[in-house]
Protein backbone atom coordinates (compact mmCIF):
# COMPACT_ATOMS: atom_id res chain seq x y z
CA MET A 1 -7.97 6.30 15.90
CA ARG A 2 -5.59 8.24 13.70
CA GLN A 3 -4.82 11.63 15.21
CA PRO A 4 -4.84 13.94 13.44
CA HIS A 5 -6.79 12.38 10.57
CA THR A 6 -6.28 14.96 7.85
CA ALA A 7 -6.77 14.85 4.10
CA LEU A 8 -3.71 15.23 1.90
CA THR A 9 -3.50 17.86 -0.81
CA ASN A 10 -1.80 17.98 -4.20
CA ASP A 11 1.51 16.57 -2.96
CA ALA A 12 -0.22 13.39 -1.85
CA PRO A 13 1.08 9.98 -2.93
CA VAL A 14 -1.16 7.96 -5.17
CA ARG A 15 -3.55 5.19 -4.25
CA SER A 16 -3.79 1.57 -5.25
CA VAL A 17 -7.10 -0.21 -4.87
CA LEU A 18 -6.63 -3.96 -4.97
CA ALA A 19 -9.52 -6.34 -5.37
CA ASP A 20 -10.15 -9.87 -6.50
CA SER A 21 -12.78 -9.49 -9.23
CA THR A 22 -14.25 -12.89 -8.32
CA ASN A 23 -14.76 -11.83 -4.70
CA ARG A 24 -16.84 -8.72 -5.12
CA THR A 25 -19.98 -8.07 -3.13
CA GLY A 26 -22.87 -5.71 -3.78
CA SER A 27 -23.14 -4.13 -0.36
CA ARG A 28 -22.32 -0.40 0.00
CA ARG A 29 -21.56 0.05 -3.68
CA ARG A 30 -21.81 3.71 -4.61
CA GLU A 31 -20.32 3.93 -8.07
CA GLY A 32 -20.32 7.32 -9.71
CA ARG A 33 -20.54 9.12 -6.36
CA ASP A 34 -17.93 7.71 -4.00
CA GLY A 35 -16.18 5.25 -6.28
CA PRO A 36 -14.93 4.84 -9.84
CA PRO A 37 -17.48 5.28 -12.66
CA ALA A 38 -19.88 2.40 -13.15
CA ASN A 39 -18.34 1.41 -16.50
CA ARG A 40 -15.04 0.52 -14.79
CA LYS A 41 -14.19 -2.47 -12.64
CA ARG A 42 -15.51 -1.99 -9.13
CA CYS A 43 -12.67 -1.79 -6.61
CA ALA A 44 -14.19 0.16 -3.73
CA VAL A 45 -13.10 -0.31 -0.15
CA GLU A 46 -15.82 -2.30 1.57
CA GLN A 47 -14.40 -4.25 4.47
CA GLY A 48 -16.21 -5.93 7.33
CA ASN A 49 -19.77 -4.71 6.69
CA SER A 50 -20.84 -6.84 3.78
CA ALA A 51 -23.76 -9.22 4.02
CA SER A 52 -22.06 -11.61 1.63
CA THR A 53 -19.82 -14.44 2.77
CA GLN A 54 -17.35 -13.54 0.02
CA ILE A 55 -14.45 -11.19 0.63
CA ARG A 56 -13.30 -7.98 -1.00
CA MET A 57 -9.73 -6.86 -0.46
CA SER A 58 -8.33 -3.35 -0.66
CA CYS A 59 -4.98 -1.78 0.12
CA THR A 60 -2.91 1.33 -0.48
CA GLY A 61 -0.08 1.52 -2.98
CA THR A 62 2.40 4.03 -4.36
CA LEU A 63 3.41 4.83 -7.93
CA LEU A 64 7.21 4.57 -8.20
CA SER A 65 7.59 5.04 -11.96
CA GLU A 66 5.46 5.20 -15.08
CA LYS A 67 4.37 1.57 -14.70
CA ILE A 68 5.54 0.31 -11.28
CA VAL A 69 3.52 0.42 -8.06
CA LEU A 70 4.66 -0.55 -4.57
CA THR A 71 2.27 -2.25 -2.15
CA ALA A 72 2.31 -5.03 0.46
CA ALA A 73 2.64 -8.65 -0.65
CA HIS A 74 -0.08 -9.83 1.75
CA CYS A 75 -2.53 -7.60 -0.16
CA LEU A 76 -2.16 -9.98 -3.10
CA TYR A 77 -2.95 -13.12 -1.14
CA ASN A 78 -6.47 -14.29 -0.37
CA PHE A 79 -6.09 -15.88 3.07
CA THR A 80 -9.63 -17.26 3.02
CA ARG A 81 -9.16 -19.14 -0.25
CA LYS A 82 -5.44 -19.74 0.35
CA GLN A 83 -4.38 -18.52 -3.06
CA TRP A 84 -2.62 -15.60 -4.71
CA ILE A 85 -4.85 -13.13 -6.52
CA PRO A 86 -4.33 -13.15 -10.31
CA ALA A 87 -2.71 -10.01 -11.67
CA ASN A 88 -5.55 -9.51 -14.15
CA SER A 89 -7.97 -9.11 -11.21
CA ILE A 90 -6.15 -6.05 -9.90
CA ARG A 91 -6.58 -2.42 -10.89
CA PHE A 92 -4.52 0.56 -9.80
CA ILE A 93 -6.23 3.93 -9.37
CA ALA A 94 -3.86 6.89 -9.11
CA GLY A 95 -4.70 10.00 -7.11
CA TYR A 96 -8.07 8.70 -5.92
CA GLN A 97 -10.06 11.16 -3.80
CA ARG A 98 -13.83 11.06 -3.19
CA GLY A 99 -14.65 9.36 -6.48
CA GLU A 100 -12.21 11.39 -8.58
CA TYR A 101 -8.87 10.11 -9.78
CA GLU A 102 -5.96 11.07 -12.03
CA ALA A 103 -5.40 7.84 -13.93
CA VAL A 104 -6.22 4.14 -13.87
CA SER A 105 -4.58 0.98 -15.18
CA ASP A 106 -5.00 -2.76 -14.95
CA VAL A 107 -2.07 -4.81 -13.67
CA ASP A 108 -0.10 -6.92 -16.12
CA ARG A 109 1.93 -8.88 -13.55
CA TYR A 110 3.56 -8.46 -10.17
CA VAL A 111 6.96 -9.11 -8.63
CA LEU A 112 7.43 -10.67 -5.19
CA ASP A 113 10.40 -11.46 -3.00
CA PRO A 114 11.77 -14.93 -3.88
CA THR A 115 10.63 -16.05 -0.42
CA HIS A 116 7.09 -16.12 -1.78
CA ASP A 117 5.86 -18.87 -4.07
CA PRO A 118 2.84 -17.75 -6.14
CA GLU A 119 2.24 -21.37 -7.15
CA SER A 120 1.84 -22.44 -3.52
CA ARG A 121 -1.27 -22.20 -1.38
CA GLU A 122 0.90 -21.15 1.56
CA PHE A 123 1.82 -17.61 2.53
CA LYS A 124 5.32 -17.98 3.94
CA GLY A 125 6.62 -14.42 3.89
CA GLU A 126 7.81 -12.57 6.97
CA MET A 127 7.36 -8.83 7.49
CA ASP A 128 10.71 -7.92 5.94
CA VAL A 129 9.58 -9.35 2.58
CA ASP A 130 6.03 -8.00 2.72
CA TRP A 131 6.43 -5.97 -0.44
CA ALA A 132 5.18 -6.34 -4.00
CA LEU A 133 5.78 -4.45 -7.21
CA LEU A 134 2.75 -4.20 -9.48
CA ILE A 135 3.68 -3.85 -13.14
CA LEU A 136 0.93 -1.87 -14.83
CA LYS A 137 -0.32 -2.40 -18.36
CA ASP A 138 -0.43 1.34 -19.02
CA PRO A 139 2.34 3.90 -18.30
CA ILE A 140 0.07 6.17 -16.28
CA GLY A 141 3.06 7.69 -14.52
CA LYS A 142 3.53 9.88 -17.60
CA ASN A 143 0.46 11.83 -16.54
CA ALA A 144 0.32 11.11 -12.79
CA ARG A 145 2.74 11.93 -9.99
CA PHE A 146 5.11 9.32 -8.65
CA VAL A 147 7.29 9.58 -5.58
CA ASP A 148 11.03 9.84 -5.01
CA LEU A 149 12.87 7.16 -3.05
CA TYR A 150 15.15 7.81 -0.11
CA LEU A 151 18.34 5.99 -1.04
CA GLY A 152 20.43 6.76 2.02
CA GLY A 153 19.94 3.25 3.40
CA PRO A 154 17.79 2.12 6.34
CA GLY A 155 20.44 2.97 8.92
CA ALA A 156 20.61 6.58 7.73
CA ILE A 157 16.93 7.26 8.38
CA ALA A 158 17.02 6.24 12.05
CA GLY A 159 15.76 9.07 14.19
CA LYS A 160 14.06 10.96 11.36
CA LYS A 161 10.43 11.97 11.81
CA ALA A 162 8.14 9.91 9.61
CA LEU A 163 4.61 10.12 8.28
CA LEU A 164 2.32 7.59 6.61
CA ALA A 165 -0.31 8.22 3.94
CA GLY A 166 -3.13 5.79 3.20
CA TYR A 167 -6.80 4.98 2.84
CA PRO A 168 -7.94 3.68 6.26
CA SER A 169 -11.29 1.96 6.56
CA LEU A 170 -12.56 4.83 8.69
CA ARG A 171 -12.60 7.12 5.62
CA HIS A 172 -11.82 4.84 2.73
CA HIS A 173 -12.56 7.34 -0.06
CA VAL A 174 -10.27 10.04 1.33
CA LEU A 175 -6.50 9.91 1.25
CA SER A 176 -5.28 10.82 4.74
CA VAL A 177 -2.02 11.13 6.58
CA ALA A 178 -0.84 9.87 9.96
CA ARG A 179 1.39 12.54 11.45
CA ASP A 180 1.85 10.80 14.78
CA CYS A 181 4.57 8.39 13.62
CA GLY A 182 7.28 10.04 15.63
CA LYS A 183 10.87 9.09 14.89
CA ILE A 184 11.40 6.04 12.76
CA ASN A 185 13.85 3.30 13.71
CA TYR A 186 15.46 0.40 11.89
CA ASP A 187 15.54 -3.06 13.45
CA MET A 188 18.63 -4.77 12.04
CA SER A 189 17.64 -8.19 13.38
CA TYR A 190 14.35 -8.29 11.50
CA ARG A 191 15.30 -5.88 8.67
CA VAL A 192 12.21 -3.73 9.20
CA LEU A 193 11.28 -0.14 9.97
CA VAL A 194 9.53 0.52 13.28
CA SER A 195 7.44 3.57 14.17
CA SER A 196 4.42 4.57 16.21
CA CYS A 197 2.18 5.49 13.24
CA SER A 198 -1.51 4.96 13.98
CA THR A 199 -2.81 2.67 11.27
CA MET A 200 -5.88 0.61 10.51
CA GLN A 201 -7.37 -1.71 7.94
CA GLY A 202 -6.87 -0.32 4.43
CA ASP A 203 -3.45 1.15 5.22
CA SER A 204 -1.59 -2.04 4.25
CA GLY A 205 1.02 -1.20 1.64
CA ALA A 206 0.86 2.51 2.47
CA PRO A 207 3.98 4.58 1.83
CA ILE A 208 6.13 5.76 4.74
CA PHE A 209 7.87 9.09 4.16
CA VAL A 210 10.59 11.19 5.75
CA SER A 211 11.58 14.74 4.92
CA ASP A 212 14.90 15.05 3.09
CA ASN A 213 16.02 18.65 2.56
CA GLY A 214 12.40 19.75 2.64
CA ASN A 215 11.17 17.10 0.20
CA LEU A 216 9.11 14.05 1.12
CA LYS A 217 10.86 10.83 0.11
CA LEU A 218 9.67 7.26 0.43
CA VAL A 219 11.60 5.08 2.88
CA GLY A 220 9.35 2.02 2.81
CA ASN A 221 5.84 0.60 2.82
CA PHE A 222 3.63 -0.29 5.78
CA SER A 223 3.29 -4.01 6.50
CA SER A 224 1.51 -4.61 9.79
CA ILE A 225 1.03 -3.77 13.45
CA VAL A 226 2.99 -5.60 16.13
CA ALA A 227 1.88 -5.76 19.74
CA THR A 228 4.19 -5.86 22.74
CA LEU A 229 3.72 -7.26 26.22
CA ASP A 230 2.04 -3.96 27.03
CA PRO A 231 -1.42 -4.14 25.38
CA LYS A 232 -1.40 -0.36 25.00
CA SER A 233 1.91 -0.39 23.13
CA LEU A 234 1.66 -1.07 19.40
CA PHE A 235 4.25 -0.57 16.68
CA ALA A 236 3.79 -0.02 12.97
CA VAL A 237 6.22 -2.18 11.00
CA GLY A 238 7.38 -1.25 7.52
CA VAL A 239 9.56 -2.70 4.77
CA PRO A 240 12.55 -0.46 3.94
CA VAL A 241 13.35 0.45 0.33
CA ALA A 242 16.63 -1.48 0.59
CA ASN A 243 14.71 -4.76 0.87
CA PHE A 244 13.21 -4.45 -2.63
CA GLN A 245 15.55 -1.95 -4.29
CA HIS A 246 17.40 -4.63 -6.30
CA PHE A 247 14.17 -5.99 -7.78
CA LEU A 248 12.94 -2.47 -8.54
CA GLN A 249 16.16 -1.69 -10.39
CA LEU A 250 15.77 -4.85 -12.48
CA GLU A 251 12.26 -3.77 -13.51
CA LEU A 252 13.33 -0.20 -14.28
CA ALA A 253 16.09 -1.52 -16.54
CA LYS A 254 13.63 -3.44 -18.74
């Protein structure tokens, strides 16, 4: 369990709720109280306790500019149906906290690493390419906060203390922070960030931060947990900014 499991305040990164609109279930829906208003698309986090055989998917994401959101690529793939989720089935909710939010936008399209093939029914990506850029229809970043990137390179962040912010399934309507990440490291062989952040379902795509001159800056996004030969030893693996920076720059230039 995440220790400590504390709510973030006004400097919190924003949230992305990702859902396939054709895979929604009715169980545990509490619109208007714990989720978005009933007249909006339902994108609540309901994982593992539904009576339906269909699947709802939800992840965390981070607003990088007025219209660009970072999340994990595997959040956009339906492993049960073996297909990529259409962009028009995704909605981004910025600053979500206990049913309240700052802004909301549908997704126009998304950008993946060239390793991925959205036309294929296979998910071939490794952890170092587990990133996706959601291109929003509305420039909600004009009225909502977006984060700064750490551009010192993955090697420069080695040894810095990290933290992770997300919406874990334990408290999926409250943005919380994992402060137990310890020092972050960069694995050159696999091109990934490695830390000891405690994470759980719902944290996929969550931003990983380090402090740079007193300011929190994004160094990557959370991909998955990797086990070692010691069953008690787990590592949180993230995708460094450098792995998608080129594609982000191309989108920002448009």
